[in-house]
Amino acid sequence: MTSLLNLVGGECPNVEDMNDLFNLLDVNGDETIDKKELSSLLTIFFRLLKENEIDVEIEEETDILF
């Protein structure tokens, strides 16, 4: 999450915000974020970038690794 926010100049969330986000993403309530749930997050994130015309330049693959 921090890596994604850094790409767009966002602030790092605090622990409470991260816990809230985790709970929102964990749709099935199994206390893990599976590939489907992560994919949903990324789809929403990049849709918002596109809608707000925010360009993200990725110089190296490691810029997007978690």
N, C-alpha and C. Protein backbone atom coordinates (compact mmCIF):
# COMPACT_ATOMS: atom_id res chain seq x y z
N MET A 1 0.83 -1.19 0.00
CA MET A 1 0.00 0.00 0.00
C MET A 1 0.87 1.25 0.00
N THR A 2 1.92 1.22 0.83
CA THR A 2 2.82 2.37 0.89
C THR A 2 3.46 2.62 -0.46
N SER A 3 3.86 1.55 -1.14
CA SER A 3 4.47 1.69 -2.47
C SER A 3 3.51 2.33 -3.46
N LEU A 4 2.25 1.91 -3.44
CA LEU A 4 1.26 2.49 -4.34
C LEU A 4 1.04 3.97 -4.04
N LEU A 5 0.94 4.29 -2.78
CA LEU A 5 0.73 5.70 -2.40
C LEU A 5 1.94 6.56 -2.75
N ASN A 6 3.14 6.01 -2.61
CA ASN A 6 4.34 6.75 -2.98
C ASN A 6 4.36 7.08 -4.47
N LEU A 7 3.83 6.19 -5.29
CA LEU A 7 3.79 6.43 -6.74
C LEU A 7 2.97 7.66 -7.10
N VAL A 8 1.96 7.95 -6.31
CA VAL A 8 1.08 9.08 -6.62
C VAL A 8 1.26 10.25 -5.65
N GLY A 9 2.27 10.16 -4.82
CA GLY A 9 2.54 11.26 -3.91
C GLY A 9 1.62 11.32 -2.71
N GLY A 10 1.00 10.20 -2.37
CA GLY A 10 0.10 10.15 -1.23
C GLY A 10 0.83 9.95 0.07
N GLU A 11 0.16 10.25 1.15
CA GLU A 11 0.74 10.07 2.48
C GLU A 11 0.57 8.63 2.94
N CYS A 12 1.53 8.15 3.70
CA CYS A 12 1.45 6.80 4.24
C CYS A 12 0.36 6.76 5.32
N PRO A 13 -0.51 5.77 5.25
CA PRO A 13 -1.56 5.66 6.25
C PRO A 13 -1.01 5.20 7.59
N ASN A 14 -1.71 5.53 8.66
CA ASN A 14 -1.29 5.05 9.98
C ASN A 14 -1.81 3.63 10.18
N VAL A 15 -1.45 3.02 11.27
CA VAL A 15 -1.80 1.62 11.54
C VAL A 15 -3.32 1.43 11.57
N GLU A 16 -4.01 2.35 12.20
CA GLU A 16 -5.48 2.24 12.28
C GLU A 16 -6.12 2.28 10.89
N ASP A 17 -5.63 3.19 10.04
CA ASP A 17 -6.15 3.27 8.68
C ASP A 17 -5.86 1.99 7.90
N MET A 18 -4.67 1.44 8.10
CA MET A 18 -4.32 0.20 7.42
C MET A 18 -5.20 -0.95 7.88
N ASN A 19 -5.49 -1.01 9.18
CA ASN A 19 -6.39 -2.06 9.69
C ASN A 19 -7.79 -1.91 9.10
N ASP A 20 -8.27 -0.68 9.01
CA ASP A 20 -9.59 -0.44 8.41
C ASP A 20 -9.60 -0.87 6.95
N LEU A 21 -8.55 -0.52 6.22
CA LEU A 21 -8.45 -0.90 4.82
C LEU A 21 -8.40 -2.41 4.67
N PHE A 22 -7.60 -3.05 5.50
CA PHE A 22 -7.51 -4.51 5.46
C PHE A 22 -8.88 -5.13 5.66
N ASN A 23 -9.62 -4.65 6.63
CA ASN A 23 -10.95 -5.19 6.91
C ASN A 23 -11.91 -4.98 5.74
N LEU A 24 -11.77 -3.85 5.05
CA LEU A 24 -12.60 -3.61 3.87
C LEU A 24 -12.24 -4.55 2.72
N LEU A 25 -10.94 -4.80 2.56
CA LEU A 25 -10.48 -5.64 1.45
C LEU A 25 -10.74 -7.12 1.69
N ASP A 26 -10.75 -7.52 2.94
CA ASP A 26 -10.96 -8.92 3.28
C ASP A 26 -12.45 -9.24 3.19
N VAL A 27 -12.94 -9.28 1.96
CA VAL A 27 -14.36 -9.41 1.70
C VAL A 27 -14.93 -10.69 2.30
N ASN A 28 -14.21 -11.79 2.21
CA ASN A 28 -14.74 -13.06 2.70
C ASN A 28 -14.47 -13.30 4.18
N GLY A 29 -13.77 -12.38 4.84
CA GLY A 29 -13.57 -12.44 6.28
C GLY A 29 -12.63 -13.54 6.76
N ASP A 30 -11.73 -14.02 5.88
CA ASP A 30 -10.83 -15.09 6.30
C ASP A 30 -9.50 -14.59 6.87
N GLU A 31 -9.42 -13.29 7.11
CA GLU A 31 -8.25 -12.63 7.70
C GLU A 31 -7.01 -12.70 6.82
N THR A 32 -7.21 -12.85 5.52
CA THR A 32 -6.13 -12.75 4.54
C THR A 32 -6.65 -11.99 3.33
N ILE A 33 -5.75 -11.40 2.59
CA ILE A 33 -6.10 -10.75 1.34
C ILE A 33 -5.65 -11.69 0.23
N ASP A 34 -6.60 -12.33 -0.42
CA ASP A 34 -6.24 -13.28 -1.48
C ASP A 34 -6.05 -12.55 -2.81
N LYS A 35 -5.69 -13.28 -3.84
CA LYS A 35 -5.42 -12.67 -5.15
C LYS A 35 -6.63 -11.92 -5.69
N LYS A 36 -7.80 -12.49 -5.52
CA LYS A 36 -9.01 -11.84 -6.03
C LYS A 36 -9.26 -10.51 -5.31
N GLU A 37 -9.09 -10.50 -4.00
CA GLU A 37 -9.30 -9.27 -3.23
C GLU A 37 -8.24 -8.22 -3.57
N LEU A 38 -7.00 -8.66 -3.74
CA LEU A 38 -5.92 -7.73 -4.12
C LEU A 38 -6.16 -7.18 -5.52
N SER A 39 -6.59 -8.04 -6.40
CA SER A 39 -6.89 -7.62 -7.77
C SER A 39 -7.98 -6.54 -7.78
N SER A 40 -8.99 -6.71 -6.94
CA SER A 40 -10.05 -5.70 -6.84
C SER A 40 -9.50 -4.36 -6.38
N LEU A 41 -8.61 -4.40 -5.38
CA LEU A 41 -7.99 -3.17 -4.90
C LEU A 41 -7.21 -2.48 -6.01
N LEU A 42 -6.40 -3.23 -6.71
CA LEU A 42 -5.57 -2.64 -7.76
C LEU A 42 -6.43 -2.10 -8.90
N THR A 43 -7.49 -2.80 -9.24
CA THR A 43 -8.39 -2.33 -10.29
C THR A 43 -9.00 -0.98 -9.91
N ILE A 44 -9.48 -0.87 -8.69
CA ILE A 44 -10.05 0.39 -8.21
C ILE A 44 -9.00 1.48 -8.18
N PHE A 45 -7.81 1.16 -7.66
CA PHE A 45 -6.72 2.14 -7.55
C PHE A 45 -6.36 2.71 -8.92
N PHE A 46 -6.15 1.84 -9.91
CA PHE A 46 -5.74 2.32 -11.23
C PHE A 46 -6.90 2.99 -11.98
N ARG A 47 -8.13 2.58 -11.71
CA ARG A 47 -9.28 3.27 -12.29
C ARG A 47 -9.35 4.72 -11.77
N LEU A 48 -9.11 4.89 -10.46
CA LEU A 48 -9.10 6.23 -9.89
C LEU A 48 -7.98 7.08 -10.47
N LEU A 49 -6.82 6.48 -10.67
CA LEU A 49 -5.72 7.21 -11.30
C LEU A 49 -6.12 7.71 -12.68
N LYS A 50 -6.72 6.82 -13.46
CA LYS A 50 -7.12 7.17 -14.82
C LYS A 50 -8.20 8.24 -14.81
N GLU A 51 -9.21 8.08 -13.96
CA GLU A 51 -10.30 9.05 -13.90
C GLU A 51 -9.82 10.44 -13.49
N ASN A 52 -8.80 10.48 -12.64
CA ASN A 52 -8.26 11.75 -12.17
C ASN A 52 -7.07 12.22 -12.99
N GLU A 53 -6.83 11.51 -14.10
CA GLU A 53 -5.75 11.85 -15.02
C GLU A 53 -4.41 12.00 -14.31
N ILE A 54 -4.12 11.07 -13.41
CA ILE A 54 -2.85 11.06 -12.69
C ILE A 54 -1.92 10.10 -13.41
N ASP A 55 -0.81 10.64 -13.91
CA ASP A 55 0.17 9.81 -14.60
C ASP A 55 1.15 9.24 -13.58
N VAL A 56 1.42 7.96 -13.73
CA VAL A 56 2.38 7.28 -12.87
C VAL A 56 3.49 6.77 -13.74
N GLU A 57 4.70 7.16 -13.41
CA GLU A 57 5.86 6.69 -14.17
C GLU A 57 6.60 5.67 -13.32
N ILE A 58 6.69 4.47 -13.82
CA ILE A 58 7.39 3.40 -13.12
C ILE A 58 8.73 3.22 -13.80
N GLU A 59 9.79 3.55 -13.09
CA GLU A 59 11.12 3.47 -13.67
C GLU A 59 11.71 2.07 -13.57
N GLU A 60 11.43 1.40 -12.47
CA GLU A 60 11.95 0.05 -12.26
C GLU A 60 10.84 -0.82 -11.71
N GLU A 61 10.95 -2.11 -11.99
CA GLU A 61 9.94 -3.04 -11.48
C GLU A 61 9.85 -2.98 -9.97
N THR A 62 10.95 -2.72 -9.30
CA THR A 62 10.95 -2.68 -7.85
C THR A 62 10.15 -1.51 -7.29
N ASP A 63 9.81 -0.53 -8.13
CA ASP A 63 9.00 0.61 -7.68
C ASP A 63 7.60 0.18 -7.29
N ILE A 64 7.15 -0.98 -7.79
CA ILE A 64 5.79 -1.41 -7.49
C ILE A 64 5.74 -2.67 -6.64
N LEU A 65 6.88 -3.14 -6.20
CA LEU A 65 6.90 -4.33 -5.35
C LEU A 65 6.52 -3.96 -3.94
N PHE A 66 5.87 -4.87 -3.25
CA PHE A 66 5.42 -4.63 -1.89
C PHE A 66 6.44 -5.13 -0.91
